[in-house]
């Protein structure tokens, strides 16, 4: 009587891959990675692909592509939530695979899965990663594909399409972004991504539109215009932000402008933020501190912030916001 082959235990496979991570370039480790890519479950394959991506390991291109094709078969059962397919595409992109085929399949891939209410598309990350990879490859149909993704039902995919057009760096993509901005989108992150990409590809048009939004009556576009100008890190964009801050009296608008200045990352913008922390209204000082908090690890910045705050007679009221800038043990 033939003995039934035991099914591999995913937990054991995952433990083996965890050990592989420490020395993934050895012959034994590479064999385990190949086996995981060729035969592993969705979780196991995703883990193996993540190791290839994290360590930018060469020589796995064919196995990654074959694994991606494998999980296109009965995908809801073999790869629910698309974790394996996304990890495989990320590994192919990070290792700079020159084969567009998996990304061309991924850029239009939809996977509907059961959920409470209507089915949910779990392949948004697959389409988003494919969009960025095809930009890296400078695929000749990239603009056409991004035109489709800019009207994708899922907001993260529309946002990724704008980012991919900016990443491609071709000014020919600017009209798509301008059309999207003029036609609108219900999701502010999508509009911000499109406006930032337009500033990158067609600076004059992007600067004009961002300034128009910044000076408009609607607070939503005003905030998006400010953030896009800050993200651009352009000097002429900074001039517009500083002019708007000087004439702005509304706390919400001033907060948006201060956050935009923190995104600009120039010395001139930082000087304004430090001056606000030292002598600005308490609400402005708190916003400036919060906006700079993600940069607290930058060399010398924490000391500059603490020096500025120490000039305030009400510095104690900002103690909670200053915690990110205080070295441990002080």
C-alpha atoms as a PDB file:
ATOM      1  CA  UNK A   1       0.000   0.000   0.000  1.00  0.00           C
ATOM      2  CA  UNK A   2       1.427   3.348  -1.051  1.00  0.00           C
ATOM      3  CA  UNK A   3       2.243   5.759   1.766  1.00  0.00           C
ATOM      4  CA  UNK A   4       0.512   9.104   1.474  1.00  0.00           C
ATOM      5  CA  UNK A   5       3.003  11.973   1.293  1.00  0.00           C
ATOM      6  CA  UNK A   6       2.697  14.226   4.307  1.00  0.00           C
ATOM      7  CA  UNK A   7       1.656  17.757   3.595  1.00  0.00           C
ATOM      8  CA  UNK A   8       4.278  20.338   4.530  1.00  0.00           C
ATOM      9  CA  UNK A   9       3.582  22.160   7.789  1.00  0.00           C
ATOM     10  CA  UNK A  10       3.510  25.936   7.043  1.00  0.00           C
ATOM     11  CA  UNK A  11       4.633  26.743  10.593  1.00  0.00           C
ATOM     12  CA  UNK A  12       7.713  24.571  10.175  1.00  0.00           C
ATOM     13  CA  UNK A  13       8.413  26.127   6.779  1.00  0.00           C
ATOM     14  CA  UNK A  14       8.086  29.619   8.233  1.00  0.00           C
ATOM     15  CA  UNK A  15      10.462  28.759  11.074  1.00  0.00           C
ATOM     16  CA  UNK A  16      13.007  27.480   8.551  1.00  0.00           C
ATOM     17  CA  UNK A  17      12.745  30.690   6.545  1.00  0.00           C
ATOM     18  CA  UNK A  18      13.215  32.753   9.694  1.00  0.00           C
ATOM     19  CA  UNK A  19      16.518  30.936  10.181  1.00  0.00           C
ATOM     20  CA  UNK A  20      17.396  31.447   6.504  1.00  0.00           C
ATOM     21  CA  UNK A  21      17.139  35.225   6.856  1.00  0.00           C
ATOM     22  CA  UNK A  22      20.389  35.358   8.873  1.00  0.00           C
ATOM     23  CA  UNK A  23      22.462  33.883   6.017  1.00  0.00           C
ATOM     24  CA  UNK A  24      20.282  33.978   2.926  1.00  0.00           C
ATOM     25  CA  UNK A  25      23.199  33.901   0.478  1.00  0.00           C
ATOM     26  CA  UNK A  26      24.436  30.425   1.412  1.00  0.00           C
ATOM     27  CA  UNK A  27      23.747  27.516  -0.952  1.00  0.00           C
ATOM     28  CA  UNK A  28      21.534  25.775   1.600  1.00  0.00           C
ATOM     29  CA  UNK A  29      19.518  28.930   2.249  1.00  0.00           C
ATOM     30  CA  UNK A  30      19.043  29.577  -1.454  1.00  0.00           C
ATOM     31  CA  UNK A  31      17.749  26.044  -1.924  1.00  0.00           C
ATOM     32  CA  UNK A  32      15.197  26.562   0.845  1.00  0.00           C
ATOM     33  CA  UNK A  33      14.094  29.845  -0.696  1.00  0.00           C
ATOM     34  CA  UNK A  34      13.660  28.217  -4.119  1.00  0.00           C
ATOM     35  CA  UNK A  35      11.664  25.369  -2.573  1.00  0.00           C
ATOM     36  CA  UNK A  36       9.435  27.841  -0.745  1.00  0.00           C
ATOM     37  CA  UNK A  37       8.826  29.807  -3.929  1.00  0.00           C
ATOM     38  CA  UNK A  38       8.110  26.699  -5.986  1.00  0.00           C
ATOM     39  CA  UNK A  39       5.979  24.709  -3.548  1.00  0.00           C
ATOM     40  CA  UNK A  40       5.148  26.795  -0.494  1.00  0.00           C
ATOM     41  CA  UNK A  41       1.737  27.942   0.639  1.00  0.00           C
ATOM     42  CA  UNK A  42       0.766  31.573   0.186  1.00  0.00           C
ATOM     43  CA  UNK A  43       2.175  32.566   3.588  1.00  0.00           C
ATOM     44  CA  UNK A  44       5.401  30.663   3.065  1.00  0.00           C
ATOM     45  CA  UNK A  45       5.946  31.997  -0.439  1.00  0.00           C
ATOM     46  CA  UNK A  46       5.248  35.543   0.729  1.00  0.00           C
ATOM     47  CA  UNK A  47       7.898  35.124   3.450  1.00  0.00           C
ATOM     48  CA  UNK A  48      10.460  33.809   0.976  1.00  0.00           C
ATOM     49  CA  UNK A  49       9.749  36.654  -1.450  1.00  0.00           C
ATOM     50  CA  UNK A  50      10.119  39.167   1.377  1.00  0.00           C
ATOM     51  CA  UNK A  51      13.597  37.810   2.165  1.00  0.00           C
ATOM     52  CA  UNK A  52      14.612  38.099  -1.487  1.00  0.00           C
ATOM     53  CA  UNK A  53      13.330  41.691  -1.513  1.00  0.00           C
ATOM     54  CA  UNK A  54      14.858  42.752   1.818  1.00  0.00           C
ATOM     55  CA  UNK A  55      18.298  41.424   0.899  1.00  0.00           C
ATOM     56  CA  UNK A  56      18.049  42.170  -2.851  1.00  0.00           C
ATOM     57  CA  UNK A  57      19.159  38.629  -3.632  1.00  0.00           C
ATOM     58  CA  UNK A  58      20.039  37.994  -7.290  1.00  0.00           C
ATOM     59  CA  UNK A  59      19.177  34.896  -9.291  1.00  0.00           C
ATOM     60  CA  UNK A  60      15.547  34.385  -8.212  1.00  0.00           C
ATOM     61  CA  UNK A  61      13.824  36.137 -11.107  1.00  0.00           C
ATOM     62  CA  UNK A  62      12.495  33.012 -12.839  1.00  0.00           C
ATOM     63  CA  UNK A  63      11.292  31.433  -9.576  1.00  0.00           C
ATOM     64  CA  UNK A  64       9.523  34.619  -8.513  1.00  0.00           C
ATOM     65  CA  UNK A  65       7.751  34.893 -11.870  1.00  0.00           C
ATOM     66  CA  UNK A  66       6.740  31.223 -11.833  1.00  0.00           C
ATOM     67  CA  UNK A  67       5.400  31.575  -8.294  1.00  0.00           C
ATOM     68  CA  UNK A  68       3.338  34.605  -9.318  1.00  0.00           C
ATOM     69  CA  UNK A  69       1.788  32.579 -12.138  1.00  0.00           C
ATOM     70  CA  UNK A  70       1.122  29.723  -9.697  1.00  0.00           C
ATOM     71  CA  UNK A  71      -0.962  31.939  -7.433  1.00  0.00           C
ATOM     72  CA  UNK A  72      -3.057  33.166 -10.335  1.00  0.00           C
ATOM     73  CA  UNK A  73      -4.555  29.651 -10.412  1.00  0.00           C
ATOM     74  CA  UNK A  74      -7.548  29.347  -8.050  1.00  0.00           C
ATOM     75  CA  UNK A  75      -6.297  32.571  -6.436  1.00  0.00           C
ATOM     76  CA  UNK A  76      -8.940  33.040  -3.740  1.00  0.00           C
ATOM     77  CA  UNK A  77      -8.147  29.606  -2.309  1.00  0.00           C
ATOM     78  CA  UNK A  78      -4.380  29.592  -2.795  1.00  0.00           C
ATOM     79  CA  UNK A  79      -3.665  33.245  -1.992  1.00  0.00           C
ATOM     80  CA  UNK A  80      -6.469  34.997  -0.104  1.00  0.00           C
ATOM     81  CA  UNK A  81      -5.865  38.746   0.326  1.00  0.00           C
ATOM     82  CA  UNK A  82      -3.154  38.566  -2.383  1.00  0.00           C
ATOM     83  CA  UNK A  83      -0.311  38.535   0.160  1.00  0.00           C
ATOM     84  CA  UNK A  84       1.864  36.190  -1.872  1.00  0.00           C
ATOM     85  CA  UNK A  85       1.249  37.874  -5.224  1.00  0.00           C
ATOM     86  CA  UNK A  86       2.043  41.305  -3.786  1.00  0.00           C
ATOM     87  CA  UNK A  87       5.210  40.055  -2.057  1.00  0.00           C
ATOM     88  CA  UNK A  88       6.370  38.403  -5.288  1.00  0.00           C
ATOM     89  CA  UNK A  89       5.828  41.565  -7.341  1.00  0.00           C
ATOM     90  CA  UNK A  90       7.647  43.637  -4.727  1.00  0.00           C
ATOM     91  CA  UNK A  91      10.587  41.232  -4.837  1.00  0.00           C
ATOM     92  CA  UNK A  92      10.686  41.370  -8.633  1.00  0.00           C
ATOM     93  CA  UNK A  93      10.573  45.163  -8.571  1.00  0.00           C
ATOM     94  CA  UNK A  94      13.192  45.597  -5.824  1.00  0.00           C
ATOM     95  CA  UNK A  95      15.571  43.206  -7.589  1.00  0.00           C
ATOM     96  CA  UNK A  96      14.987  45.207 -10.783  1.00  0.00           C
ATOM     97  CA  UNK A  97      13.522  42.461 -12.940  1.00  0.00           C
ATOM     98  CA  UNK A  98      13.410  43.592 -16.562  1.00  0.00           C
ATOM     99  CA  UNK A  99      10.509  41.341 -17.561  1.00  0.00           C
ATOM    100  CA  UNK A 100       7.283  43.396 -17.744  1.00  0.00           C
ATOM    101  CA  UNK A 101       5.008  40.340 -18.090  1.00  0.00           C
ATOM    102  CA  UNK A 102       4.037  39.834 -14.414  1.00  0.00           C
ATOM    103  CA  UNK A 103       3.496  43.556 -13.935  1.00  0.00           C
ATOM    104  CA  UNK A 104       1.329  43.783 -17.048  1.00  0.00           C
ATOM    105  CA  UNK A 105      -0.824  40.991 -15.617  1.00  0.00           C
ATOM    106  CA  UNK A 106      -0.815  42.593 -12.199  1.00  0.00           C
ATOM    107  CA  UNK A 107      -1.741  46.120 -13.300  1.00  0.00           C
ATOM    108  CA  UNK A 108      -5.236  44.973 -14.317  1.00  0.00           C
ATOM    109  CA  UNK A 109      -5.635  42.175 -11.789  1.00  0.00           C
ATOM    110  CA  UNK A 110      -8.787  42.164  -9.630  1.00  0.00           C
ATOM    111  CA  UNK A 111      -9.529  39.592  -6.912  1.00  0.00           C
ATOM    112  CA  UNK A 112     -13.002  39.757  -5.385  1.00  0.00           C
ATOM    113  CA  UNK A 113     -13.406  37.966  -2.071  1.00  0.00           C
ATOM    114  CA  UNK A 114     -16.390  37.400   0.163  1.00  0.00           C
ATOM    115  CA  UNK A 115     -16.931  39.844   2.998  1.00  0.00           C
ATOM    116  CA  UNK A 116     -19.732  41.235   5.094  1.00  0.00           C
ATOM    117  CA  UNK A 117     -21.794  42.993   2.450  1.00  0.00           C
ATOM    118  CA  UNK A 118     -20.504  43.222  -1.136  1.00  0.00           C
ATOM    119  CA  UNK A 119     -17.369  41.315  -2.185  1.00  0.00           C
ATOM    120  CA  UNK A 120     -14.089  43.135  -1.512  1.00  0.00           C
ATOM    121  CA  UNK A 121     -11.282  43.600  -4.042  1.00  0.00           C
ATOM    122  CA  UNK A 122      -8.084  42.469  -2.310  1.00  0.00           C
ATOM    123  CA  UNK A 123      -5.768  43.137  -5.263  1.00  0.00           C
ATOM    124  CA  UNK A 124      -5.361  46.898  -4.861  1.00  0.00           C
ATOM    125  CA  UNK A 125      -1.736  46.478  -3.760  1.00  0.00           C
ATOM    126  CA  UNK A 126      -1.038  44.236  -6.748  1.00  0.00           C
ATOM    127  CA  UNK A 127      -2.223  46.900  -9.186  1.00  0.00           C
ATOM    128  CA  UNK A 128      -0.419  49.678  -7.323  1.00  0.00           C
ATOM    129  CA  UNK A 129       2.945  47.859  -7.230  1.00  0.00           C
ATOM    130  CA  UNK A 130       2.603  46.929 -10.907  1.00  0.00           C
ATOM    131  CA  UNK A 131       2.002  50.576 -11.814  1.00  0.00           C
ATOM    132  CA  UNK A 132       5.228  51.644 -10.114  1.00  0.00           C
ATOM    133  CA  UNK A 133       7.225  48.766 -11.585  1.00  0.00           C
ATOM    134  CA  UNK A 134       6.084  49.570 -15.123  1.00  0.00           C
ATOM    135  CA  UNK A 135       7.168  53.173 -14.530  1.00  0.00           C
ATOM    136  CA  UNK A 136      10.635  51.898 -13.581  1.00  0.00           C
ATOM    137  CA  UNK A 137      10.699  49.823 -16.753  1.00  0.00           C
ATOM    138  CA  UNK A 138       9.543  52.840 -18.811  1.00  0.00           C
ATOM    139  CA  UNK A 139       6.996  50.614 -20.512  1.00  0.00           C
ATOM    140  CA  UNK A 140       5.699  52.241 -23.726  1.00  0.00           C
ATOM    141  CA  UNK A 141       2.054  51.768 -22.680  1.00  0.00           C
ATOM    142  CA  UNK A 142       2.549  53.199 -19.211  1.00  0.00           C
ATOM    143  CA  UNK A 143       0.516  56.372 -19.760  1.00  0.00           C
ATOM    144  CA  UNK A 144      -2.382  54.396 -21.246  1.00  0.00           C
ATOM    145  CA  UNK A 145      -2.378  52.001 -18.308  1.00  0.00           C
ATOM    146  CA  UNK A 146      -2.229  54.861 -15.793  1.00  0.00           C
ATOM    147  CA  UNK A 147      -5.190  56.511 -17.506  1.00  0.00           C
ATOM    148  CA  UNK A 148      -7.159  53.388 -16.594  1.00  0.00           C
ATOM    149  CA  UNK A 149      -5.887  53.325 -13.027  1.00  0.00           C
ATOM    150  CA  UNK A 150      -6.681  57.005 -12.442  1.00  0.00           C
ATOM    151  CA  UNK A 151     -10.367  55.997 -12.636  1.00  0.00           C
ATOM    152  CA  UNK A 152      -9.934  52.713 -10.737  1.00  0.00           C
ATOM    153  CA  UNK A 153     -12.725  52.058  -8.197  1.00  0.00           C
ATOM    154  CA  UNK A 154     -10.164  51.814  -5.369  1.00  0.00           C
ATOM    155  CA  UNK A 155      -8.619  55.081  -4.050  1.00  0.00           C
ATOM    156  CA  UNK A 156      -5.170  53.594  -3.229  1.00  0.00           C
ATOM    157  CA  UNK A 157      -4.832  52.473  -6.847  1.00  0.00           C
ATOM    158  CA  UNK A 158      -5.742  55.929  -8.165  1.00  0.00           C
ATOM    159  CA  UNK A 159      -3.168  57.420  -5.801  1.00  0.00           C
ATOM    160  CA  UNK A 160      -0.536  54.916  -6.953  1.00  0.00           C
ATOM    161  CA  UNK A 161      -1.236  55.791 -10.586  1.00  0.00           C
ATOM    162  CA  UNK A 162      -0.387  59.439  -9.884  1.00  0.00           C
ATOM    163  CA  UNK A 163       2.763  58.434  -7.998  1.00  0.00           C
ATOM    164  CA  UNK A 164       3.771  56.155 -10.880  1.00  0.00           C
ATOM    165  CA  UNK A 165       3.376  58.958 -13.425  1.00  0.00           C
ATOM    166  CA  UNK A 166       5.622  61.153 -11.276  1.00  0.00           C
ATOM    167  CA  UNK A 167       8.110  58.287 -10.892  1.00  0.00           C
ATOM    168  CA  UNK A 168       8.190  57.769 -14.656  1.00  0.00           C
ATOM    169  CA  UNK A 169       9.163  61.433 -14.990  1.00  0.00           C
ATOM    170  CA  UNK A 170       7.707  61.944 -18.459  1.00  0.00           C
ATOM    171  CA  UNK A 171       6.027  65.364 -18.880  1.00  0.00           C
ATOM    172  CA  UNK A 172       3.666  63.693 -21.355  1.00  0.00           C
ATOM    173  CA  UNK A 173       1.855  62.288 -18.319  1.00  0.00           C
ATOM    174  CA  UNK A 174       0.987  65.770 -17.020  1.00  0.00           C
ATOM    175  CA  UNK A 175      -2.216  66.177 -19.098  1.00  0.00           C
ATOM    176  CA  UNK A 176      -3.651  63.016 -17.501  1.00  0.00           C
ATOM    177  CA  UNK A 177      -3.029  64.475 -14.065  1.00  0.00           C
ATOM    178  CA  UNK A 178      -4.483  67.851 -14.952  1.00  0.00           C
ATOM    179  CA  UNK A 179      -7.592  66.208 -16.388  1.00  0.00           C
ATOM    180  CA  UNK A 180      -8.000  64.167 -13.203  1.00  0.00           C
ATOM    181  CA  UNK A 181      -7.592  67.260 -11.035  1.00  0.00           C
ATOM    182  CA  UNK A 182     -10.120  69.226 -13.072  1.00  0.00           C
ATOM    183  CA  UNK A 183     -12.637  66.372 -13.038  1.00  0.00           C
ATOM    184  CA  UNK A 184     -12.131  65.844  -9.299  1.00  0.00           C
ATOM    185  CA  UNK A 185     -12.002  62.915  -6.905  1.00  0.00           C
ATOM    186  CA  UNK A 186     -13.856  62.290  -3.635  1.00  0.00           C
ATOM    187  CA  UNK A 187     -10.634  61.229  -1.873  1.00  0.00           C
ATOM    188  CA  UNK A 188      -8.232  64.019  -0.769  1.00  0.00           C
ATOM    189  CA  UNK A 189      -5.136  61.741  -0.809  1.00  0.00           C
ATOM    190  CA  UNK A 190      -5.768  61.040  -4.499  1.00  0.00           C
ATOM    191  CA  UNK A 191      -6.024  64.749  -5.291  1.00  0.00           C
ATOM    192  CA  UNK A 192      -2.855  65.466  -3.305  1.00  0.00           C
ATOM    193  CA  UNK A 193      -0.949  62.739  -5.150  1.00  0.00           C
ATOM    194  CA  UNK A 194      -2.127  64.098  -8.498  1.00  0.00           C
ATOM    195  CA  UNK A 195      -1.254  67.702  -7.633  1.00  0.00           C
ATOM    196  CA  UNK A 196       2.186  66.708  -6.303  1.00  0.00           C
ATOM    197  CA  UNK A 197       2.835  64.684  -9.455  1.00  0.00           C
ATOM    198  CA  UNK A 198       1.735  67.597 -11.648  1.00  0.00           C
ATOM    199  CA  UNK A 199       4.161  69.890  -9.810  1.00  0.00           C
ATOM    200  CA  UNK A 200       6.902  67.374 -10.573  1.00  0.00           C
ATOM    201  CA  UNK A 201       6.107  66.842 -14.271  1.00  0.00           C
ATOM    202  CA  UNK A 202       4.846  70.297 -15.288  1.00  0.00           C
ATOM    203  CA  UNK A 203       6.051  72.749 -12.606  1.00  0.00           C
ATOM    204  CA  UNK A 204       4.496  75.883 -14.102  1.00  0.00           C
ATOM    205  CA  UNK A 205       1.046  74.320 -14.459  1.00  0.00           C
ATOM    206  CA  UNK A 206       1.294  72.615 -11.073  1.00  0.00           C
ATOM    207  CA  UNK A 207       2.436  75.772  -9.324  1.00  0.00           C
ATOM    208  CA  UNK A 208      -0.401  77.783 -10.863  1.00  0.00           C
ATOM    209  CA  UNK A 209      -3.055  75.250  -9.851  1.00  0.00           C
ATOM    210  CA  UNK A 210      -1.672  74.724  -6.340  1.00  0.00           C
ATOM    211  CA  UNK A 211      -1.565  78.495  -5.800  1.00  0.00           C
ATOM    212  CA  UNK A 212      -5.127  78.792  -7.083  1.00  0.00           C
ATOM    213  CA  UNK A 213      -6.265  76.190  -4.553  1.00  0.00           C
ATOM    214  CA  UNK A 214      -4.195  77.827  -1.794  1.00  0.00           C
ATOM    215  CA  UNK A 215      -5.928  81.157  -2.382  1.00  0.00           C
ATOM    216  CA  UNK A 216      -9.426  79.744  -2.853  1.00  0.00           C
ATOM    217  CA  UNK A 217     -12.468  79.835  -0.591  1.00  0.00           C
ATOM    218  CA  UNK A 218     -12.799  76.095   0.039  1.00  0.00           C
ATOM    219  CA  UNK A 219     -10.706  74.950   3.053  1.00  0.00           C
ATOM    220  CA  UNK A 220     -10.222  71.437   1.659  1.00  0.00           C
ATOM    221  CA  UNK A 221      -8.418  72.486  -1.533  1.00  0.00           C
ATOM    222  CA  UNK A 222      -6.571  75.195   0.412  1.00  0.00           C
ATOM    223  CA  UNK A 223      -5.030  72.536   2.622  1.00  0.00           C
ATOM    224  CA  UNK A 224      -4.199  70.269  -0.319  1.00  0.00           C
ATOM    225  CA  UNK A 225      -2.612  73.160  -2.203  1.00  0.00           C
ATOM    226  CA  UNK A 226      -0.431  73.977   0.800  1.00  0.00           C
ATOM    227  CA  UNK A 227       0.686  70.382   1.305  1.00  0.00           C
ATOM    228  CA  UNK A 228       1.495  69.911  -2.386  1.00  0.00           C
ATOM    229  CA  UNK A 229       3.585  73.095  -2.395  1.00  0.00           C
ATOM    230  CA  UNK A 230       5.432  71.912   0.689  1.00  0.00           C
ATOM    231  CA  UNK A 231       6.099  68.456  -0.729  1.00  0.00           C
ATOM    232  CA  UNK A 232       7.488  69.995  -3.936  1.00  0.00           C
ATOM    233  CA  UNK A 233      10.405  71.595  -1.993  1.00  0.00           C
ATOM    234  CA  UNK A 234      10.560  74.312  -4.642  1.00  0.00           C
ATOM    235  CA  UNK A 235      11.767  77.775  -3.629  1.00  0.00           C
ATOM    236  CA  UNK A 236       8.951  79.523  -5.532  1.00  0.00           C
ATOM    237  CA  UNK A 237       6.482  77.222  -3.763  1.00  0.00           C
ATOM    238  CA  UNK A 238       7.964  78.262  -0.405  1.00  0.00           C
ATOM    239  CA  UNK A 239       7.473  81.931  -1.333  1.00  0.00           C
ATOM    240  CA  UNK A 240       3.756  81.264  -1.810  1.00  0.00           C
ATOM    241  CA  UNK A 241       3.460  79.363   1.463  1.00  0.00           C
ATOM    242  CA  UNK A 242       5.153  82.141   3.437  1.00  0.00           C
ATOM    243  CA  UNK A 243       2.985  84.804   1.808  1.00  0.00           C
ATOM    244  CA  UNK A 244      -0.139  82.809   2.668  1.00  0.00           C
ATOM    245  CA  UNK A 245       1.023  82.321   6.271  1.00  0.00           C
ATOM    246  CA  UNK A 246       1.597  86.057   6.671  1.00  0.00           C
ATOM    247  CA  UNK A 247      -1.949  86.944   5.624  1.00  0.00           C
ATOM    248  CA  UNK A 248      -3.731  83.977   7.220  1.00  0.00           C
ATOM    249  CA  UNK A 249      -5.647  84.414  10.476  1.00  0.00           C
ATOM    250  CA  UNK A 250      -7.697  81.206  10.653  1.00  0.00           C
ATOM    251  CA  UNK A 251      -6.159  78.537  12.939  1.00  0.00           C
ATOM    252  CA  UNK A 252      -6.979  75.689  10.521  1.00  0.00           C
ATOM    253  CA  UNK A 253      -5.291  77.445   7.604  1.00  0.00           C
ATOM    254  CA  UNK A 254      -2.244  78.384   9.665  1.00  0.00           C
ATOM    255  CA  UNK A 255      -1.927  74.781  10.857  1.00  0.00           C
ATOM    256  CA  UNK A 256      -1.998  73.488   7.270  1.00  0.00           C
ATOM    257  CA  UNK A 257       0.630  76.012   6.218  1.00  0.00           C
ATOM    258  CA  UNK A 258       2.935  75.145   9.125  1.00  0.00           C
ATOM    259  CA  UNK A 259       2.665  71.436   8.294  1.00  0.00           C
ATOM    260  CA  UNK A 260       3.482  72.262   4.673  1.00  0.00           C
ATOM    261  CA  UNK A 261       6.579  74.180   5.791  1.00  0.00           C
ATOM    262  CA  UNK A 262       7.770  71.114   7.699  1.00  0.00           C
ATOM    263  CA  UNK A 263       7.413  69.064   4.511  1.00  0.00           C
ATOM    264  CA  UNK A 264       9.519  71.569   2.555  1.00  0.00           C
ATOM    265  CA  UNK A 265      12.663  70.659   4.562  1.00  0.00           C
ATOM    266  CA  UNK A 266      14.602  73.765   3.529  1.00  0.00           C
ATOM    267  CA  UNK A 267      16.630  75.880   5.948  1.00  0.00           C
ATOM    268  CA  UNK A 268      14.389  78.869   5.219  1.00  0.00           C
ATOM    269  CA  UNK A 269      11.255  76.908   6.079  1.00  0.00           C
ATOM    270  CA  UNK A 270      12.876  75.507   9.232  1.00  0.00           C
ATOM    271  CA  UNK A 271      13.821  79.018  10.368  1.00  0.00           C
ATOM    272  CA  UNK A 272      10.169  80.087  10.183  1.00  0.00           C
ATOM    273  CA  UNK A 273       9.058  77.026  12.157  1.00  0.00           C
ATOM    274  CA  UNK A 274      11.694  77.619  14.857  1.00  0.00           C
ATOM    275  CA  UNK A 275      10.655  81.273  15.108  1.00  0.00           C
ATOM    276  CA  UNK A 276       7.046  80.129  15.493  1.00  0.00           C
ATOM    277  CA  UNK A 277       8.052  77.750  18.298  1.00  0.00           C
ATOM    278  CA  UNK A 278      10.025  80.512  20.025  1.00  0.00           C
ATOM    279  CA  UNK A 279       7.566  83.386  19.756  1.00  0.00           C
ATOM    280  CA  UNK A 280       4.414  82.419  17.899  1.00  0.00           C
ATOM    281  CA  UNK A 281       0.917  81.958  19.330  1.00  0.00           C
ATOM    282  CA  UNK A 282       0.706  78.848  21.533  1.00  0.00           C
ATOM    283  CA  UNK A 283      -1.545  77.009  19.053  1.00  0.00           C
ATOM    284  CA  UNK A 284       0.896  77.707  16.199  1.00  0.00           C
ATOM    285  CA  UNK A 285       3.885  76.653  18.305  1.00  0.00           C
ATOM    286  CA  UNK A 286       2.225  73.354  19.157  1.00  0.00           C
ATOM    287  CA  UNK A 287       1.423  72.644  15.497  1.00  0.00           C
ATOM    288  CA  UNK A 288       5.003  73.500  14.488  1.00  0.00           C
ATOM    289  CA  UNK A 289       6.342  71.078  17.102  1.00  0.00           C
ATOM    290  CA  UNK A 290       4.010  68.318  15.970  1.00  0.00           C
ATOM    291  CA  UNK A 291       4.910  68.939  12.317  1.00  0.00           C
ATOM    292  CA  UNK A 292       8.627  68.660  13.051  1.00  0.00           C
ATOM    293  CA  UNK A 293       8.274  65.619  15.331  1.00  0.00           C
ATOM    294  CA  UNK A 294       8.787  63.022  12.546  1.00  0.00           C
ATOM    295  CA  UNK A 295      12.160  64.679  11.874  1.00  0.00           C
ATOM    296  CA  UNK A 296      13.296  64.598  15.516  1.00  0.00           C
ATOM    297  CA  UNK A 297      16.087  62.145  14.667  1.00  0.00           C
ATOM    298  CA  UNK A 298      17.810  64.546  12.276  1.00  0.00           C
ATOM    299  CA  UNK A 299      21.231  65.672  13.448  1.00  0.00           C
ATOM    300  CA  UNK A 300      21.012  68.801  15.592  1.00  0.00           C
ATOM    301  CA  UNK A 301      17.303  69.425  15.031  1.00  0.00           C
ATOM    302  CA  UNK A 302      16.133  68.393  18.496  1.00  0.00           C
ATOM    303  CA  UNK A 303      18.567  70.807  20.143  1.00  0.00           C
ATOM    304  CA  UNK A 304      17.406  73.649  17.863  1.00  0.00           C
ATOM    305  CA  UNK A 305      13.796  72.938  18.740  1.00  0.00           C
ATOM    306  CA  UNK A 306      14.492  72.812  22.489  1.00  0.00           C
ATOM    307  CA  UNK A 307      16.491  76.051  22.300  1.00  0.00           C
ATOM    308  CA  UNK A 308      13.609  77.753  20.487  1.00  0.00           C
ATOM    309  CA  UNK A 309      11.008  76.482  22.954  1.00  0.00           C
ATOM    310  CA  UNK A 310      13.124  77.597  25.923  1.00  0.00           C
ATOM    311  CA  UNK A 311      12.640  81.231  24.846  1.00  0.00           C
ATOM    312  CA  UNK A 312       8.914  81.062  25.573  1.00  0.00           C
ATOM    313  CA  UNK A 313       7.575  82.183  28.951  1.00  0.00           C
ATOM    314  CA  UNK A 314       4.910  79.457  28.620  1.00  0.00           C
ATOM    315  CA  UNK A 315       7.318  76.679  27.556  1.00  0.00           C
ATOM    316  CA  UNK A 316       5.892  74.361  30.193  1.00  0.00           C
ATOM    317  CA  UNK A 317       2.572  74.266  28.353  1.00  0.00           C
ATOM    318  CA  UNK A 318       4.365  72.703  25.372  1.00  0.00           C
ATOM    319  CA  UNK A 319       6.137  70.015  27.390  1.00  0.00           C
ATOM    320  CA  UNK A 320       4.069  67.150  25.966  1.00  0.00           C
ATOM    321  CA  UNK A 321       4.786  68.237  22.385  1.00  0.00           C
ATOM    322  CA  UNK A 322       8.498  68.586  23.237  1.00  0.00           C
ATOM    323  CA  UNK A 323       8.868  64.989  24.451  1.00  0.00           C
ATOM    324  CA  UNK A 324       9.801  63.732  20.968  1.00  0.00           C
ATOM    325  CA  UNK A 325      12.761  66.125  20.984  1.00  0.00           C
ATOM    326  CA  UNK A 326      14.068  65.173  24.437  1.00  0.00           C
ATOM    327  CA  UNK A 327      16.889  62.598  24.590  1.00  0.00           C
ATOM    328  CA  UNK A 328      16.136  59.519  26.715  1.00  0.00           C
ATOM    329  CA  UNK A 329      16.941  59.971  30.375  1.00  0.00           C
ATOM    330  CA  UNK A 330      16.561  63.751  30.390  1.00  0.00           C
END
